[in-house]
């Protein structure tokens, strides 16, 4: 997650039960280059631009901390204060779909549903 401007989309992930098959699907359909990312006992995948290897998205297994994520292309939007953003979600008719989760030390994210039913994640980068 390299972007750091408030409101930017920091990352795009797809979390599914069979990431091994799905990453091949997107490699063939979109033309991404697949790079394995070790998660210890299994690999998730960075889907990279062929021309320069720049990561474009991730395809992840629905296991561990990802077990409760829905199988949708999840946009992670950078917020200035995750607690204030959560309060705004709830005050404006949205709902939290996960607890706040830690990522890479002090970074945090939470998956939300907006009043129309669309799902995304809010990402706080320390």
N, C-alpha and C. Protein backbone atom coordinates (compact mmCIF):
# COMPACT_ATOMS: atom_id res chain seq x y z
N UNK A 1 0.85 -1.18 0.00
CA UNK A 1 0.00 0.00 0.00
C UNK A 1 0.89 1.23 0.00
N UNK A 2 1.18 1.70 -1.17
CA UNK A 2 2.18 2.75 -1.31
C UNK A 2 1.62 4.16 -1.30
N UNK A 3 0.37 4.36 -1.71
CA UNK A 3 -0.20 5.71 -1.69
C UNK A 3 -0.35 6.17 -0.25
N UNK A 4 -0.25 7.47 -0.03
CA UNK A 4 -0.37 7.95 1.35
C UNK A 4 -1.22 9.21 1.47
N UNK A 5 -1.95 9.60 0.43
CA UNK A 5 -2.79 10.78 0.50
C UNK A 5 -4.18 10.41 0.97
N UNK A 6 -4.70 11.19 1.92
CA UNK A 6 -6.03 10.95 2.45
C UNK A 6 -7.03 10.93 1.28
N UNK A 7 -7.88 9.91 1.25
CA UNK A 7 -8.87 9.77 0.21
C UNK A 7 -8.44 8.94 -0.98
N UNK A 8 -7.13 8.69 -1.12
CA UNK A 8 -6.65 7.85 -2.21
C UNK A 8 -7.06 6.40 -1.99
N UNK A 9 -7.16 5.66 -3.08
CA UNK A 9 -7.30 4.22 -2.96
C UNK A 9 -5.89 3.67 -2.77
N UNK A 10 -5.67 3.04 -1.63
CA UNK A 10 -4.34 2.55 -1.31
C UNK A 10 -4.05 1.21 -1.96
N UNK A 11 -5.08 0.39 -2.12
CA UNK A 11 -4.85 -0.96 -2.62
C UNK A 11 -6.15 -1.56 -3.07
N UNK A 12 -6.06 -2.62 -3.86
CA UNK A 12 -7.21 -3.36 -4.35
C UNK A 12 -6.91 -4.84 -4.15
N UNK A 13 -7.79 -5.53 -3.46
CA UNK A 13 -7.61 -6.95 -3.14
C UNK A 13 -8.85 -7.74 -3.49
N UNK A 14 -8.64 -9.00 -3.86
CA UNK A 14 -9.72 -9.96 -4.00
C UNK A 14 -9.39 -11.12 -3.08
N UNK A 15 -10.28 -11.44 -2.15
CA UNK A 15 -10.06 -12.52 -1.21
C UNK A 15 -11.08 -13.62 -1.49
N UNK A 16 -10.56 -14.82 -1.80
CA UNK A 16 -11.41 -15.94 -2.22
C UNK A 16 -10.89 -17.24 -1.61
N UNK A 17 -11.73 -18.26 -1.64
CA UNK A 17 -11.34 -19.57 -1.09
C UNK A 17 -10.20 -20.20 -1.88
N UNK A 18 -10.21 -20.06 -3.21
CA UNK A 18 -9.21 -20.70 -4.06
C UNK A 18 -8.39 -19.67 -4.83
N UNK A 19 -7.52 -18.97 -4.11
CA UNK A 19 -6.70 -17.92 -4.74
C UNK A 19 -5.77 -18.49 -5.81
N UNK A 20 -5.37 -19.75 -5.68
CA UNK A 20 -4.47 -20.35 -6.66
C UNK A 20 -5.10 -20.38 -8.05
N UNK A 21 -6.35 -20.78 -8.12
CA UNK A 21 -7.06 -20.83 -9.41
C UNK A 21 -7.43 -19.43 -9.89
N UNK A 22 -7.92 -18.60 -8.98
CA UNK A 22 -8.40 -17.27 -9.35
C UNK A 22 -7.26 -16.38 -9.84
N UNK A 23 -6.09 -16.49 -9.26
CA UNK A 23 -4.96 -15.68 -9.73
C UNK A 23 -4.60 -16.06 -11.16
N UNK A 24 -4.72 -17.34 -11.51
CA UNK A 24 -4.46 -17.75 -12.90
C UNK A 24 -5.50 -17.17 -13.85
N UNK A 25 -6.76 -17.13 -13.39
CA UNK A 25 -7.84 -16.54 -14.18
C UNK A 25 -7.50 -15.09 -14.53
N UNK A 26 -7.14 -14.30 -13.52
CA UNK A 26 -6.85 -12.88 -13.76
C UNK A 26 -5.54 -12.68 -14.53
N UNK A 27 -4.60 -13.59 -14.34
CA UNK A 27 -3.38 -13.49 -15.13
C UNK A 27 -3.71 -13.65 -16.62
N UNK A 28 -4.57 -14.61 -16.94
CA UNK A 28 -4.94 -14.86 -18.34
C UNK A 28 -5.88 -13.79 -18.88
N UNK A 29 -6.85 -13.35 -18.08
CA UNK A 29 -7.87 -12.42 -18.56
C UNK A 29 -7.36 -10.99 -18.64
N UNK A 30 -6.68 -10.52 -17.58
CA UNK A 30 -6.22 -9.14 -17.52
C UNK A 30 -4.81 -8.98 -18.09
N UNK A 31 -4.01 -10.03 -17.93
CA UNK A 31 -2.64 -9.96 -18.41
C UNK A 31 -1.63 -9.60 -17.33
N UNK A 32 -2.04 -9.74 -16.08
CA UNK A 32 -1.12 -9.45 -14.99
C UNK A 32 -0.06 -10.53 -14.86
N UNK A 33 1.08 -10.14 -14.30
CA UNK A 33 2.15 -11.06 -13.94
C UNK A 33 1.94 -11.40 -12.46
N UNK A 34 2.00 -12.67 -12.12
CA UNK A 34 1.74 -13.11 -10.75
C UNK A 34 3.05 -13.23 -9.98
N UNK A 35 3.03 -12.71 -8.76
CA UNK A 35 4.17 -12.85 -7.85
C UNK A 35 3.65 -13.40 -6.52
N UNK A 36 4.18 -14.54 -6.10
CA UNK A 36 3.77 -15.15 -4.84
C UNK A 36 4.27 -14.31 -3.66
N UNK A 37 3.41 -14.18 -2.65
CA UNK A 37 3.75 -13.48 -1.40
C UNK A 37 3.54 -14.47 -0.26
N UNK A 38 4.61 -14.90 0.36
CA UNK A 38 4.51 -15.90 1.41
C UNK A 38 3.73 -15.38 2.61
N UNK A 39 2.77 -16.17 3.04
CA UNK A 39 1.99 -15.88 4.23
C UNK A 39 2.31 -16.91 5.32
N UNK A 40 3.45 -17.55 5.20
CA UNK A 40 3.86 -18.58 6.15
C UNK A 40 3.60 -19.95 5.57
N UNK A 41 2.40 -20.48 5.81
CA UNK A 41 2.09 -21.84 5.35
C UNK A 41 1.42 -21.87 3.97
N UNK A 42 1.20 -20.72 3.36
CA UNK A 42 0.59 -20.64 2.04
C UNK A 42 1.03 -19.33 1.38
N UNK A 43 0.72 -19.18 0.10
CA UNK A 43 1.04 -17.96 -0.64
C UNK A 43 -0.23 -17.22 -1.02
N UNK A 44 -0.21 -15.90 -0.86
CA UNK A 44 -1.16 -15.02 -1.51
C UNK A 44 -0.41 -14.46 -2.72
N UNK A 45 -1.06 -13.61 -3.51
CA UNK A 45 -0.45 -13.21 -4.78
C UNK A 45 -0.57 -11.72 -5.04
N UNK A 46 0.54 -11.14 -5.46
CA UNK A 46 0.56 -9.78 -5.98
C UNK A 46 0.38 -9.89 -7.48
N UNK A 47 -0.56 -9.11 -8.00
CA UNK A 47 -0.84 -9.12 -9.43
C UNK A 47 -0.17 -7.87 -10.00
N UNK A 48 0.88 -8.08 -10.77
CA UNK A 48 1.76 -6.99 -11.19
C UNK A 48 1.60 -6.65 -12.67
N UNK A 49 1.85 -5.39 -12.97
CA UNK A 49 1.86 -4.93 -14.36
C UNK A 49 3.04 -5.60 -15.06
N UNK A 50 2.82 -6.17 -16.23
CA UNK A 50 3.86 -6.90 -16.95
C UNK A 50 4.99 -5.98 -17.38
N UNK A 51 4.68 -4.77 -17.80
CA UNK A 51 5.70 -3.88 -18.37
C UNK A 51 6.80 -3.50 -17.40
N UNK A 52 6.46 -3.37 -16.10
CA UNK A 52 7.49 -2.94 -15.15
C UNK A 52 7.43 -3.64 -13.79
N UNK A 53 6.52 -4.61 -13.63
CA UNK A 53 6.44 -5.36 -12.38
C UNK A 53 5.78 -4.62 -11.23
N UNK A 54 5.18 -3.46 -11.50
CA UNK A 54 4.54 -2.69 -10.43
C UNK A 54 3.26 -3.39 -9.96
N UNK A 55 3.14 -3.62 -8.63
CA UNK A 55 1.93 -4.26 -8.10
C UNK A 55 0.68 -3.42 -8.41
N UNK A 56 -0.36 -4.10 -8.89
CA UNK A 56 -1.63 -3.46 -9.22
C UNK A 56 -2.76 -3.89 -8.29
N UNK A 57 -2.68 -5.10 -7.77
CA UNK A 57 -3.75 -5.65 -6.93
C UNK A 57 -3.22 -6.90 -6.23
N UNK A 58 -4.05 -7.45 -5.37
CA UNK A 58 -3.71 -8.70 -4.71
C UNK A 58 -4.84 -9.70 -4.84
N UNK A 59 -4.47 -10.97 -4.90
CA UNK A 59 -5.45 -12.06 -4.83
C UNK A 59 -5.03 -12.91 -3.63
N UNK A 60 -5.95 -13.01 -2.67
CA UNK A 60 -5.62 -13.61 -1.37
C UNK A 60 -6.56 -14.76 -1.04
N UNK A 61 -6.04 -15.67 -0.23
CA UNK A 61 -6.86 -16.77 0.28
C UNK A 61 -7.74 -16.27 1.43
N UNK A 62 -8.97 -16.74 1.47
CA UNK A 62 -9.90 -16.41 2.56
C UNK A 62 -9.60 -17.30 3.75
N UNK A 63 -8.50 -16.99 4.41
CA UNK A 63 -8.07 -17.76 5.58
C UNK A 63 -7.38 -16.82 6.55
N UNK A 64 -7.19 -17.26 7.77
CA UNK A 64 -6.53 -16.42 8.77
C UNK A 64 -7.28 -15.12 8.97
N UNK A 65 -6.56 -13.97 8.96
CA UNK A 65 -7.20 -12.67 9.17
C UNK A 65 -8.16 -12.31 8.04
N UNK A 66 -8.04 -13.00 6.90
CA UNK A 66 -8.92 -12.74 5.76
C UNK A 66 -10.15 -13.64 5.72
N UNK A 67 -10.32 -14.51 6.69
CA UNK A 67 -11.40 -15.49 6.65
C UNK A 67 -12.79 -14.86 6.58
N UNK A 68 -12.97 -13.68 7.15
CA UNK A 68 -14.30 -13.06 7.18
C UNK A 68 -14.52 -12.02 6.08
N UNK A 69 -13.61 -11.94 5.12
CA UNK A 69 -13.77 -10.97 4.04
C UNK A 69 -14.63 -11.55 2.92
N UNK A 70 -15.52 -10.73 2.36
CA UNK A 70 -16.37 -11.23 1.27
C UNK A 70 -15.57 -11.37 -0.03
N UNK A 71 -16.01 -12.23 -0.96
CA UNK A 71 -15.29 -12.41 -2.22
C UNK A 71 -15.65 -11.32 -3.23
N UNK A 72 -15.17 -10.12 -2.96
CA UNK A 72 -15.37 -8.97 -3.85
C UNK A 72 -14.04 -8.28 -4.06
N UNK A 73 -13.92 -7.54 -5.16
CA UNK A 73 -12.74 -6.69 -5.33
C UNK A 73 -12.87 -5.57 -4.31
N UNK A 74 -12.01 -5.59 -3.31
CA UNK A 74 -12.09 -4.67 -2.18
C UNK A 74 -11.13 -3.50 -2.37
N UNK A 75 -11.69 -2.30 -2.45
CA UNK A 75 -10.88 -1.09 -2.48
C UNK A 75 -10.59 -0.67 -1.04
N UNK A 76 -9.35 -0.30 -0.77
CA UNK A 76 -8.91 0.19 0.54
C UNK A 76 -8.64 1.68 0.41
N UNK A 77 -9.48 2.51 1.05
CA UNK A 77 -9.34 3.96 0.96
C UNK A 77 -8.63 4.50 2.20
N UNK A 78 -7.66 5.38 1.99
CA UNK A 78 -6.88 5.96 3.09
C UNK A 78 -7.71 7.02 3.81
N UNK A 79 -7.75 6.91 5.14
CA UNK A 79 -8.44 7.89 5.97
C UNK A 79 -7.45 8.50 6.96
N UNK A 80 -7.76 9.71 7.43
CA UNK A 80 -6.88 10.42 8.36
C UNK A 80 -6.97 9.86 9.77
N UNK A 81 -8.16 9.40 10.16
CA UNK A 81 -8.40 8.92 11.53
C UNK A 81 -9.43 7.81 11.45
N UNK A 82 -9.02 6.58 11.68
CA UNK A 82 -9.93 5.46 11.49
C UNK A 82 -11.10 5.49 12.47
N UNK A 83 -10.87 5.96 13.70
CA UNK A 83 -11.96 6.02 14.67
C UNK A 83 -13.02 7.04 14.26
N UNK A 84 -12.59 8.21 13.78
CA UNK A 84 -13.55 9.21 13.31
C UNK A 84 -14.29 8.72 12.07
N UNK A 85 -13.59 8.03 11.19
CA UNK A 85 -14.24 7.49 9.99
C UNK A 85 -15.26 6.42 10.35
N UNK A 86 -14.95 5.58 11.32
CA UNK A 86 -15.91 4.56 11.78
C UNK A 86 -17.15 5.24 12.36
N UNK A 87 -16.95 6.26 13.16
CA UNK A 87 -18.09 6.99 13.73
C UNK A 87 -18.95 7.59 12.62
N UNK A 88 -18.31 8.11 11.58
CA UNK A 88 -19.05 8.70 10.46
C UNK A 88 -19.81 7.62 9.67
N UNK A 89 -19.22 6.45 9.51
CA UNK A 89 -19.91 5.34 8.85
C UNK A 89 -21.21 5.04 9.58
N UNK A 90 -21.11 4.86 10.89
CA UNK A 90 -22.28 4.49 11.69
C UNK A 90 -23.30 5.62 11.74
N UNK A 91 -22.84 6.86 11.81
CA UNK A 91 -23.75 8.01 11.89
C UNK A 91 -24.47 8.27 10.57
N UNK A 92 -23.92 7.77 9.47
CA UNK A 92 -24.48 8.05 8.16
C UNK A 92 -25.14 6.83 7.51
N UNK A 93 -25.52 5.86 8.33
CA UNK A 93 -26.29 4.73 7.82
C UNK A 93 -25.50 3.57 7.28
N UNK A 94 -24.19 3.57 7.48
CA UNK A 94 -23.37 2.44 7.05
C UNK A 94 -23.23 1.44 8.17
N UNK A 95 -22.48 0.38 7.92
CA UNK A 95 -22.23 -0.61 8.97
C UNK A 95 -20.82 -1.18 8.84
N UNK A 96 -20.32 -1.67 9.94
CA UNK A 96 -19.01 -2.32 9.96
C UNK A 96 -19.21 -3.79 9.67
N UNK A 97 -18.42 -4.35 8.76
CA UNK A 97 -18.50 -5.77 8.44
C UNK A 97 -17.43 -6.58 9.14
N UNK A 98 -16.38 -5.91 9.63
CA UNK A 98 -15.32 -6.58 10.40
C UNK A 98 -14.96 -5.70 11.58
N UNK A 99 -14.22 -6.28 12.49
CA UNK A 99 -13.57 -5.49 13.53
C UNK A 99 -12.41 -4.75 12.88
N UNK A 100 -11.87 -3.76 13.56
CA UNK A 100 -10.65 -3.10 13.09
C UNK A 100 -9.52 -4.11 13.18
N UNK A 101 -8.75 -4.22 12.10
CA UNK A 101 -7.65 -5.19 12.03
C UNK A 101 -6.33 -4.45 11.85
N UNK A 102 -5.27 -5.02 12.38
CA UNK A 102 -3.93 -4.46 12.21
C UNK A 102 -3.29 -5.02 10.96
N UNK A 103 -2.47 -4.18 10.33
CA UNK A 103 -1.74 -4.61 9.14
C UNK A 103 -0.35 -3.98 9.19
N UNK A 104 0.66 -4.80 9.22
CA UNK A 104 2.02 -4.29 9.15
C UNK A 104 2.39 -3.33 10.25
N UNK A 105 2.17 -3.69 11.49
CA UNK A 105 2.54 -2.83 12.61
C UNK A 105 1.40 -1.96 13.07
N UNK A 106 1.53 -0.62 12.88
CA UNK A 106 0.53 0.32 13.38
C UNK A 106 -0.59 0.62 12.37
N UNK A 107 -0.47 0.15 11.13
CA UNK A 107 -1.52 0.38 10.15
C UNK A 107 -2.76 -0.42 10.53
N UNK A 108 -3.95 0.13 10.20
CA UNK A 108 -5.21 -0.52 10.57
C UNK A 108 -6.19 -0.40 9.42
N UNK A 109 -7.14 -1.35 9.38
CA UNK A 109 -8.22 -1.25 8.40
C UNK A 109 -9.48 -1.89 8.95
N UNK A 110 -10.60 -1.51 8.35
CA UNK A 110 -11.90 -2.07 8.70
C UNK A 110 -12.72 -2.14 7.42
N UNK A 111 -13.49 -3.21 7.26
CA UNK A 111 -14.35 -3.36 6.10
C UNK A 111 -15.73 -2.82 6.47
N UNK A 112 -16.27 -2.00 5.56
CA UNK A 112 -17.57 -1.36 5.82
C UNK A 112 -18.54 -1.62 4.67
N UNK A 113 -19.81 -1.37 4.96
CA UNK A 113 -20.86 -1.38 3.92
C UNK A 113 -21.53 -0.02 3.97
N UNK A 114 -21.65 0.64 2.82
CA UNK A 114 -22.30 1.94 2.79
C UNK A 114 -23.82 1.77 2.77
N UNK A 115 -24.60 2.86 2.87
CA UNK A 115 -26.05 2.74 2.92
C UNK A 115 -26.67 2.07 1.68
N UNK A 116 -25.97 2.08 0.54
CA UNK A 116 -26.47 1.44 -0.68
C UNK A 116 -26.11 -0.04 -0.75
N UNK A 117 -25.27 -0.50 0.19
CA UNK A 117 -24.86 -1.90 0.22
C UNK A 117 -23.50 -2.16 -0.39
N UNK A 118 -22.82 -1.13 -0.89
CA UNK A 118 -21.48 -1.30 -1.46
C UNK A 118 -20.46 -1.52 -0.35
N UNK A 119 -19.48 -2.37 -0.63
CA UNK A 119 -18.48 -2.75 0.36
C UNK A 119 -17.12 -2.18 -0.03
N UNK A 120 -16.40 -1.66 0.96
CA UNK A 120 -15.02 -1.21 0.78
C UNK A 120 -14.33 -1.29 2.14
N UNK A 121 -13.08 -0.91 2.17
CA UNK A 121 -12.33 -0.90 3.42
C UNK A 121 -11.75 0.49 3.65
N UNK A 122 -11.70 0.88 4.90
CA UNK A 122 -11.04 2.11 5.31
C UNK A 122 -9.68 1.73 5.86
N UNK A 123 -8.67 2.45 5.42
CA UNK A 123 -7.28 2.09 5.76
C UNK A 123 -6.59 3.28 6.39
N UNK A 124 -6.04 3.07 7.58
CA UNK A 124 -5.29 4.11 8.29
C UNK A 124 -3.82 3.72 8.25
N UNK A 125 -3.02 4.60 7.65
CA UNK A 125 -1.59 4.36 7.53
C UNK A 125 -0.85 5.27 8.50
N UNK A 126 -0.20 4.69 9.47
CA UNK A 126 0.52 5.46 10.48
C UNK A 126 1.80 5.99 9.92
